[in-house]
C-alpha atoms as a PDB file:
ATOM      1  CA  MET A   1     -29.070  -8.962 -19.651  1.00  0.00           C
ATOM      2  CA  ASN A   2     -29.801  -8.587 -15.803  1.00  0.00           C
ATOM      3  CA  TRP A   3     -33.498  -8.698 -16.577  1.00  0.00           C
ATOM      4  CA  LYS A   4     -33.332 -12.058 -18.595  1.00  0.00           C
ATOM      5  CA  MET A   5     -31.243 -13.487 -15.929  1.00  0.00           C
ATOM      6  CA  LYS A   6     -33.395 -12.477 -12.992  1.00  0.00           C
ATOM      7  CA  ARG A   7     -36.583 -13.848 -15.051  1.00  0.00           C
ATOM      8  CA  SER A   8     -34.768 -17.084 -15.614  1.00  0.00           C
ATOM      9  CA  LEU A   9     -33.671 -17.649 -12.039  1.00  0.00           C
ATOM     10  CA  LYS A  10     -37.129 -17.029 -10.485  1.00  0.00           C
ATOM     11  CA  PHE A  11     -38.042 -20.484 -11.550  1.00  0.00           C
ATOM     12  CA  TYR A  12     -35.208 -21.979  -9.615  1.00  0.00           C
ATOM     13  CA  ILE A  13     -35.101 -20.188  -6.309  1.00  0.00           C
ATOM     14  CA  PRO A  14     -37.720 -20.139  -3.628  1.00  0.00           C
ATOM     15  CA  GLU A  15     -40.146 -17.368  -3.241  1.00  0.00           C
ATOM     16  CA  TRP A  16     -38.529 -15.946  -0.132  1.00  0.00           C
ATOM     17  CA  ALA A  17     -35.153 -15.461  -1.960  1.00  0.00           C
ATOM     18  CA  GLN A  18     -36.776 -13.647  -5.045  1.00  0.00           C
ATOM     19  CA  ASP A  19     -36.552 -10.217  -3.444  1.00  0.00           C
ATOM     20  CA  TRP A  20     -32.807 -10.738  -3.064  1.00  0.00           C
ATOM     21  CA  LEU A  21     -32.575 -11.059  -6.904  1.00  0.00           C
ATOM     22  CA  ASP A  22     -31.146  -7.638  -7.165  1.00  0.00           C
ATOM     23  CA  ILE A  23     -28.146  -8.504  -4.927  1.00  0.00           C
ATOM     24  CA  ILE A  24     -27.892 -12.063  -6.143  1.00  0.00           C
ATOM     25  CA  VAL A  25     -27.686 -11.367  -9.915  1.00  0.00           C
ATOM     26  CA  PRO A  26     -24.933  -8.720  -9.789  1.00  0.00           C
ATOM     27  CA  GLY A  27     -23.074 -10.691  -7.201  1.00  0.00           C
ATOM     28  CA  LEU A  28     -23.070 -13.664  -9.553  1.00  0.00           C
ATOM     29  CA  GLN A  29     -21.933 -11.559 -12.262  1.00  0.00           C
ATOM     30  CA  ILE A  30     -19.041  -9.912 -10.265  1.00  0.00           C
ATOM     31  CA  LEU A  31     -17.935 -13.454  -9.126  1.00  0.00           C
ATOM     32  CA  LEU A  32     -17.841 -14.711 -12.543  1.00  0.00           C
ATOM     33  CA  ILE A  33     -15.799 -11.575 -13.627  1.00  0.00           C
ATOM     34  CA  VAL A  34     -13.358 -12.206 -10.797  1.00  0.00           C
ATOM     35  CA  LEU A  35     -12.797 -15.765 -11.672  1.00  0.00           C
ATOM     36  CA  ALA A  36     -12.400 -15.078 -15.410  1.00  0.00           C
ATOM     37  CA  ALA A  37      -9.861 -12.218 -14.654  1.00  0.00           C
ATOM     38  CA  MET A  38      -7.899 -14.738 -12.271  1.00  0.00           C
ATOM     39  CA  LEU A  39      -8.099 -17.681 -14.806  1.00  0.00           C
ATOM     40  CA  LEU A  40      -7.028 -15.203 -17.556  1.00  0.00           C
ATOM     41  CA  GLN A  41      -4.077 -13.878 -15.338  1.00  0.00           C
ATOM     42  CA  HIS A  42      -2.854 -17.470 -14.722  1.00  0.00           C
ATOM     43  CA  VAL A  43      -2.862 -18.427 -18.266  1.00  0.00           C
ATOM     44  CA  LEU A  44      -0.964 -15.292 -19.322  1.00  0.00           C
ATOM     45  CA  ARG A  45       1.487 -15.990 -16.493  1.00  0.00           C
ATOM     46  CA  ARG A  46       2.288 -19.351 -17.889  1.00  0.00           C
ATOM     47  CA  ILE A  47       2.609 -18.217 -21.322  1.00  0.00           C
ATOM     48  CA  VAL A  48       5.026 -15.409 -20.280  1.00  0.00           C
ATOM     49  CA  LYS A  49       7.121 -17.891 -18.251  1.00  0.00           C
ATOM     50  CA  ARG A  50       7.446 -20.328 -20.885  1.00  0.00           C
ATOM     51  CA  ALA A  51       8.162 -17.491 -23.507  1.00  0.00           C
ATOM     52  CA  GLY A  52      11.110 -16.485 -20.984  1.00  0.00           C
ATOM     53  CA  GLN A  53      12.410 -19.884 -20.829  1.00  0.00           C
ATOM     54  CA  HIS A  54      12.291 -20.524 -24.482  1.00  0.00           C
ATOM     55  CA  TYR A  55      13.956 -17.155 -25.463  1.00  0.00           C
ATOM     56  CA  GLN A  56      16.124 -16.864 -22.430  1.00  0.00           C
ATOM     57  CA  LEU A  57      14.669 -13.729 -21.610  1.00  0.00           C
ATOM     58  CA  PRO A  58      16.266 -11.951 -18.401  1.00  0.00           C
ATOM     59  CA  HIS A  59      14.320 -11.710 -15.128  1.00  0.00           C
ATOM     60  CA  GLU A  60      14.450  -7.838 -15.242  1.00  0.00           C
ATOM     61  CA  LEU A  61      12.401  -7.863 -18.485  1.00  0.00           C
ATOM     62  CA  LEU A  62       9.929 -10.423 -17.381  1.00  0.00           C
ATOM     63  CA  VAL A  63       8.924  -8.514 -14.032  1.00  0.00           C
ATOM     64  CA  PRO A  64       7.569  -5.359 -15.759  1.00  0.00           C
ATOM     65  CA  LEU A  65       5.830  -7.447 -18.339  1.00  0.00           C
ATOM     66  CA  ARG A  66       3.982  -9.576 -15.728  1.00  0.00           C
ATOM     67  CA  GLY A  67       3.137  -6.364 -13.979  1.00  0.00           C
ATOM     68  CA  LEU A  68       1.833  -4.676 -17.247  1.00  0.00           C
ATOM     69  CA  LEU A  69      -0.504  -7.699 -17.998  1.00  0.00           C
ATOM     70  CA  ARG A  70      -1.581  -8.034 -14.361  1.00  0.00           C
ATOM     71  CA  TRP A  71      -2.607  -4.401 -14.036  1.00  0.00           C
ATOM     72  CA  THR A  72      -4.307  -4.415 -17.473  1.00  0.00           C
ATOM     73  CA  ILE A  73      -6.509  -7.283 -16.091  1.00  0.00           C
ATOM     74  CA  VAL A  74      -7.161  -5.840 -13.060  1.00  0.00           C
ATOM     75  CA  ILE A  75      -8.309  -2.474 -14.372  1.00  0.00           C
ATOM     76  CA  SER A  76     -10.400  -4.205 -17.090  1.00  0.00           C
ATOM     77  CA  ALA A  77     -12.163  -6.317 -14.422  1.00  0.00           C
ATOM     78  CA  LEU A  78     -12.755  -3.232 -12.214  1.00  0.00           C
ATOM     79  CA  LEU A  79     -14.467  -1.500 -15.126  1.00  0.00           C
ATOM     80  CA  LEU A  80     -16.639  -4.368 -15.811  1.00  0.00           C
ATOM     81  CA  ILE A  81     -17.519  -4.849 -12.132  1.00  0.00           C
ATOM     82  CA  LEU A  82     -18.500  -0.957 -11.656  1.00  0.00           C
ATOM     83  CA  GLU A  83     -20.589  -1.412 -14.736  1.00  0.00           C
ATOM     84  CA  ARG A  84     -22.533  -4.338 -13.168  1.00  0.00           C
ATOM     85  CA  LEU A  85     -22.848  -2.123 -10.196  1.00  0.00           C
ATOM     86  CA  GLY A  86     -24.926   0.333 -12.130  1.00  0.00           C
ATOM     87  CA  VAL A  87     -22.115   3.046 -12.736  1.00  0.00           C
ATOM     88  CA  SER A  88     -22.885   4.712 -15.930  1.00  0.00           C
ATOM     89  CA  ALA A  89     -21.101   3.777 -19.057  1.00  0.00           C
ATOM     90  CA  THR A  90     -20.289   7.474 -20.226  1.00  0.00           C
ATOM     91  CA  VAL A  91     -18.708   7.922 -16.787  1.00  0.00           C
ATOM     92  CA  LEU A  92     -16.481   4.768 -17.202  1.00  0.00           C
ATOM     93  CA  TRP A  93     -15.735   5.783 -20.959  1.00  0.00           C
ATOM     94  CA  THR A  94     -14.759   9.241 -19.603  1.00  0.00           C
ATOM     95  CA  ALA A  95     -12.408   8.062 -16.740  1.00  0.00           C
ATOM     96  CA  PHE A  96     -10.764   5.583 -19.394  1.00  0.00           C
ATOM     97  CA  THR A  97     -10.042   8.157 -21.894  1.00  0.00           C
ATOM     98  CA  GLY A  98      -8.735  10.500 -19.107  1.00  0.00           C
ATOM     99  CA  PHE A  99      -6.246   7.637 -18.046  1.00  0.00           C
ATOM    100  CA  ALA A 100      -5.531   6.874 -21.547  1.00  0.00           C
ATOM    101  CA  THR A 101      -4.482  10.544 -22.206  1.00  0.00           C
ATOM    102  CA  VAL A 102      -2.248  10.634 -19.308  1.00  0.00           C
ATOM    103  CA  GLY A 103      -0.751   7.249 -20.404  1.00  0.00           C
ATOM    104  CA  ALA A 104       0.045   8.504 -23.910  1.00  0.00           C
ATOM    105  CA  VAL A 105       1.615  11.688 -22.492  1.00  0.00           C
ATOM    106  CA  ALA A 106       3.955   9.739 -20.270  1.00  0.00           C
ATOM    107  CA  PHE A 107       4.491   7.354 -23.202  1.00  0.00           C
ATOM    108  CA  PHE A 108       5.849  10.148 -25.368  1.00  0.00           C
ATOM    109  CA  ALA A 109       7.792  11.760 -22.495  1.00  0.00           C
ATOM    110  CA  ALA A 110       9.650   8.567 -21.920  1.00  0.00           C
ATOM    111  CA  TRP A 111      10.116   7.442 -25.600  1.00  0.00           C
ATOM    112  CA  SER A 112      13.779   7.380 -25.413  1.00  0.00           C
ATOM    113  CA  VAL A 113      13.671   4.879 -22.601  1.00  0.00           C
ATOM    114  CA  LEU A 114      10.977   2.965 -23.814  1.00  0.00           C
ATOM    115  CA  SER A 115      12.706   2.587 -27.460  1.00  0.00           C
ATOM    116  CA  ASN A 116      15.735   1.201 -25.457  1.00  0.00           C
ATOM    117  CA  LEU A 117      13.448  -1.438 -23.763  1.00  0.00           C
ATOM    118  CA  PHE A 118      11.574  -2.418 -26.734  1.00  0.00           C
ATOM    119  CA  CYS A 119      15.005  -2.792 -28.560  1.00  0.00           C
ATOM    120  CA  ALA A 120      16.234  -4.861 -25.672  1.00  0.00           C
ATOM    121  CA  LEU A 121      13.295  -7.231 -26.020  1.00  0.00           C
ATOM    122  CA  LEU A 122      14.237  -7.528 -29.890  1.00  0.00           C
ATOM    123  CA  ILE A 123      17.853  -8.334 -29.032  1.00  0.00           C
ATOM    124  CA  PHE A 124      16.775 -10.999 -26.517  1.00  0.00           C
ATOM    125  CA  THR A 125      14.052 -12.651 -28.699  1.00  0.00           C
ATOM    126  CA  VAL A 126      15.658 -12.153 -32.243  1.00  0.00           C
ATOM    127  CA  GLY A 127      19.211 -12.674 -31.148  1.00  0.00           C
ATOM    128  CA  PRO A 128      21.396 -10.626 -33.371  1.00  0.00           C
ATOM    129  CA  PHE A 129      24.184 -11.104 -31.173  1.00  0.00           C
ATOM    130  CA  ARG A 130      24.865 -12.839 -27.791  1.00  0.00           C
ATOM    131  CA  VAL A 131      26.972 -12.101 -24.675  1.00  0.00           C
ATOM    132  CA  GLY A 132      30.634 -13.080 -25.570  1.00  0.00           C
ATOM    133  CA  ASP A 133      30.318 -12.347 -29.339  1.00  0.00           C
ATOM    134  CA  THR A 134      32.315  -9.445 -30.977  1.00  0.00           C
ATOM    135  CA  ILE A 135      30.278  -6.735 -32.735  1.00  0.00           C
ATOM    136  CA  GLU A 136      31.365  -3.584 -34.533  1.00  0.00           C
ATOM    137  CA  LEU A 137      28.943  -0.734 -35.331  1.00  0.00           C
ATOM    138  CA  LEU A 138      29.413   0.826 -38.712  1.00  0.00           C
ATOM    139  CA  ASP A 139      28.178   4.341 -39.417  1.00  0.00           C
ATOM    140  CA  THR A 140      28.236   3.308 -43.154  1.00  0.00           C
ATOM    141  CA  ALA A 141      28.928   0.077 -44.845  1.00  0.00           C
ATOM    142  CA  GLU A 142      32.831   1.293 -45.163  1.00  0.00           C
ATOM    143  CA  LYS A 143      33.182   3.520 -42.076  1.00  0.00           C
ATOM    144  CA  PRO A 144      34.098   1.548 -38.940  1.00  0.00           C
ATOM    145  CA  GLY A 145      32.937   2.510 -35.630  1.00  0.00           C
ATOM    146  CA  ALA A 146      32.804   1.137 -32.169  1.00  0.00           C
ATOM    147  CA  ARG A 147      34.056  -2.357 -31.779  1.00  0.00           C
ATOM    148  CA  GLY A 148      34.233  -4.741 -28.926  1.00  0.00           C
ATOM    149  CA  ARG A 149      33.277  -7.951 -27.147  1.00  0.00           C
ATOM    150  CA  VAL A 150      29.896  -7.898 -25.670  1.00  0.00           C
ATOM    151  CA  LEU A 151      30.049  -8.363 -21.759  1.00  0.00           C
ATOM    152  CA  ASP A 152      26.413  -7.543 -20.899  1.00  0.00           C
ATOM    153  CA  ILE A 153      22.957  -6.844 -22.514  1.00  0.00           C
ATOM    154  CA  ASN A 154      20.435  -5.136 -20.061  1.00  0.00           C
ATOM    155  CA  LEU A 155      17.335  -3.100 -20.617  1.00  0.00           C
ATOM    156  CA  LEU A 156      18.791   0.102 -21.374  1.00  0.00           C
ATOM    157  CA  TYR A 157      22.280  -0.423 -23.181  1.00  0.00           C
ATOM    158  CA  THR A 158      24.723  -3.003 -24.165  1.00  0.00           C
ATOM    159  CA  THR A 159      28.061  -2.985 -22.670  1.00  0.00           C
ATOM    160  CA  LEU A 160      31.170  -3.723 -25.121  1.00  0.00           C
ATOM    161  CA  GLU A 161      34.807  -4.094 -24.153  1.00  0.00           C
ATOM    162  CA  ASP A 162      36.640  -1.904 -26.447  1.00  0.00           C
ATOM    163  CA  SER A 163      38.985  -3.658 -28.734  1.00  0.00           C
ATOM    164  CA  THR A 164      40.452  -0.814 -30.702  1.00  0.00           C
ATOM    165  CA  VAL A 165      44.022  -0.237 -30.420  1.00  0.00           C
ATOM    166  CA  ASN A 166      44.057   3.310 -28.885  1.00  0.00           C
ATOM    167  CA  ALA A 167      41.450   2.472 -26.151  1.00  0.00           C
ATOM    168  CA  ALA A 168      42.022  -1.399 -25.489  1.00  0.00           C
ATOM    169  CA  GLY A 169      40.235  -2.780 -22.166  1.00  0.00           C
ATOM    170  CA  SER A 170      37.874   0.316 -21.792  1.00  0.00           C
ATOM    171  CA  LEU A 171      34.055  -0.238 -21.714  1.00  0.00           C
ATOM    172  CA  LEU A 172      31.571   1.066 -24.275  1.00  0.00           C
ATOM    173  CA  GLN A 173      27.880   1.404 -23.110  1.00  0.00           C
ATOM    174  CA  ILE A 174      25.729   1.574 -26.240  1.00  0.00           C
ATOM    175  CA  PRO A 175      21.984   2.276 -25.964  1.00  0.00           C
ATOM    176  CA  ASN A 176      20.136  -0.518 -27.441  1.00  0.00           C
ATOM    177  CA  ALA A 177      18.143   1.707 -29.656  1.00  0.00           C
ATOM    178  CA  LEU A 178      21.325   2.936 -31.475  1.00  0.00           C
ATOM    179  CA  ILE A 179      22.389  -0.522 -32.243  1.00  0.00           C
ATOM    180  CA  PHE A 180      19.126  -0.991 -34.566  1.00  0.00           C
ATOM    181  CA  GLN A 181      20.110   2.281 -36.304  1.00  0.00           C
ATOM    182  CA  ARG A 182      23.640   1.143 -37.484  1.00  0.00           C
ATOM    183  CA  VAL A 183      24.985  -1.803 -39.495  1.00  0.00           C
ATOM    184  CA  VAL A 184      26.293  -4.344 -37.126  1.00  0.00           C
ATOM    185  CA  ARG A 185      29.151  -6.466 -38.014  1.00  0.00           C
ATOM    186  CA  ARG A 186      29.203  -9.757 -35.877  1.00  0.00           C
ATOM    187  CA  TRP A 187      31.943 -12.313 -34.751  1.00  0.00           C
ATOM    188  CA  LYS A 188      30.587 -15.152 -32.949  1.00  0.00           C
ATOM    189  CA  PHE A 189      32.154 -16.350 -29.695  1.00  0.00           C
ATOM    190  CA  GLY A 190      35.246 -18.303 -30.658  1.00  0.00           C
ATOM    191  CA  GLN A 191      35.720 -16.905 -34.022  1.00  0.00           C
ATOM    192  CA  GLU A 192      39.050 -15.074 -34.872  1.00  0.00           C
ATOM    193  CA  VAL A 193      38.568 -11.221 -34.838  1.00  0.00           C
ATOM    194  CA  PRO A 194      40.715  -9.277 -37.169  1.00  0.00           C
ATOM    195  CA  VAL A 195      43.074  -6.721 -35.389  1.00  0.00           C
ATOM    196  CA  LEU A 196      42.154  -3.274 -36.128  1.00  0.00           C
ATOM    197  CA  ALA A 197      45.214  -1.435 -37.601  1.00  0.00           C
ATOM    198  CA  ALA A 198      46.307   1.511 -35.725  1.00  0.00           C
ATOM    199  CA  ALA A 199      46.096   5.015 -37.263  1.00  0.00           C
ATOM    200  CA  PRO A 200      49.486   5.766 -39.064  1.00  0.00           C
ATOM    201  CA  ALA A 201      51.576   8.358 -37.409  1.00  0.00           C
ATOM    202  CA  PRO A 202      52.586  11.523 -39.216  1.00  0.00           C
ATOM    203  CA  THR A 203      55.972  11.119 -40.635  1.00  0.00           C
ATOM    204  CA  PRO A 204      58.581  13.918 -40.138  1.00  0.00           C
ATOM    205  CA  THR A 205      58.623  14.895 -43.918  1.00  0.00           C
ATOM    206  CA  ALA A 206      54.732  15.136 -43.624  1.00  0.00           C
ATOM    207  CA  GLU A 207      55.245  17.335 -40.501  1.00  0.00           C
ATOM    208  CA  ALA A 208      57.672  19.360 -42.169  1.00  0.00           C
ATOM    209  CA  GLY A 209      55.493  19.876 -45.259  1.00  0.00           C
ATOM    210  CA  LEU A 210      52.584  20.787 -43.064  1.00  0.00           C
ATOM    211  CA  GLY A 211      54.625  23.325 -41.204  1.00  0.00           C
ATOM    212  CA  THR A 212      55.822  24.981 -44.495  1.00  0.00           C
ATOM    213  CA  ALA A 213      52.177  25.180 -45.838  1.00  0.00           C
ATOM    214  CA  GLN A 214      50.944  26.794 -42.714  1.00  0.00           C
ATOM    215  CA  ALA A 215      54.247  29.424 -42.754  1.00  0.00           C
ATOM    216  CA  THR A 216      53.335  30.079 -46.330  1.00  0.00           C
ATOM    217  CA  SER A 217      49.658  30.773 -45.504  1.00  0.00           C
ATOM    218  CA  THR A 218      50.560  32.948 -42.693  1.00  0.00           C
ATOM    219  CA  SER A 219      53.017  35.061 -44.760  1.00  0.00           C
ATOM    220  CA  THR A 220      50.313  35.446 -47.487  1.00  0.00           C
ATOM    221  CA  SER A 221      47.638  36.497 -45.278  1.00  0.00           C
ATOM    222  CA  LEU A 222      50.160  39.098 -43.711  1.00  0.00           C
ATOM    223  CA  SER A 223      51.239  40.463 -47.150  1.00  0.00           C
ATOM    224  CA  LYS A 224      47.548  41.103 -48.036  1.00  0.00           C
END
């Protein structure tokens, strides 16, 4: 490609400048790569900004996303520039596979954190619940679990104000990934939330029966 470009430029530049074609052609290609990278980064930044405004994404989520896109573009442009400068494609591929391997190892090492980040993105975009709603996590369709009003949703966990009778007013911090592994019952903000019934206290008769059963079991064991 460089040879074809040099051949076509010979008809448009003076003879004294033709000796500089080995510098002019790679320089023009590098300039085009830089301009294309800057344009692509500007377009992606605007897309991320509009998506954040449309889905009301938090600033804490947009900052790492912008950084990831920026560094991806910078590294890709750098690899193309090195190739234009004559660096062997084999060397570039070896370096790329090495960085990719390190990145894959780091990805699996931080999988628990990254899964919470990804689930936070789903919560903000899909909107299964919002701040102010009351949700309840069910271990099964019939077995109740944690219930509370959503106070905050960040990148790692969702904070609930516990509304159970025995722990009213305390805070629950639930990992975002755990929410997508449970059945979620939701009451939107302003809806009436049924009060959880307190666990029935043991009656004196039941306590006496339990004590008798324990005593009988103990005497039977001793007789054996």
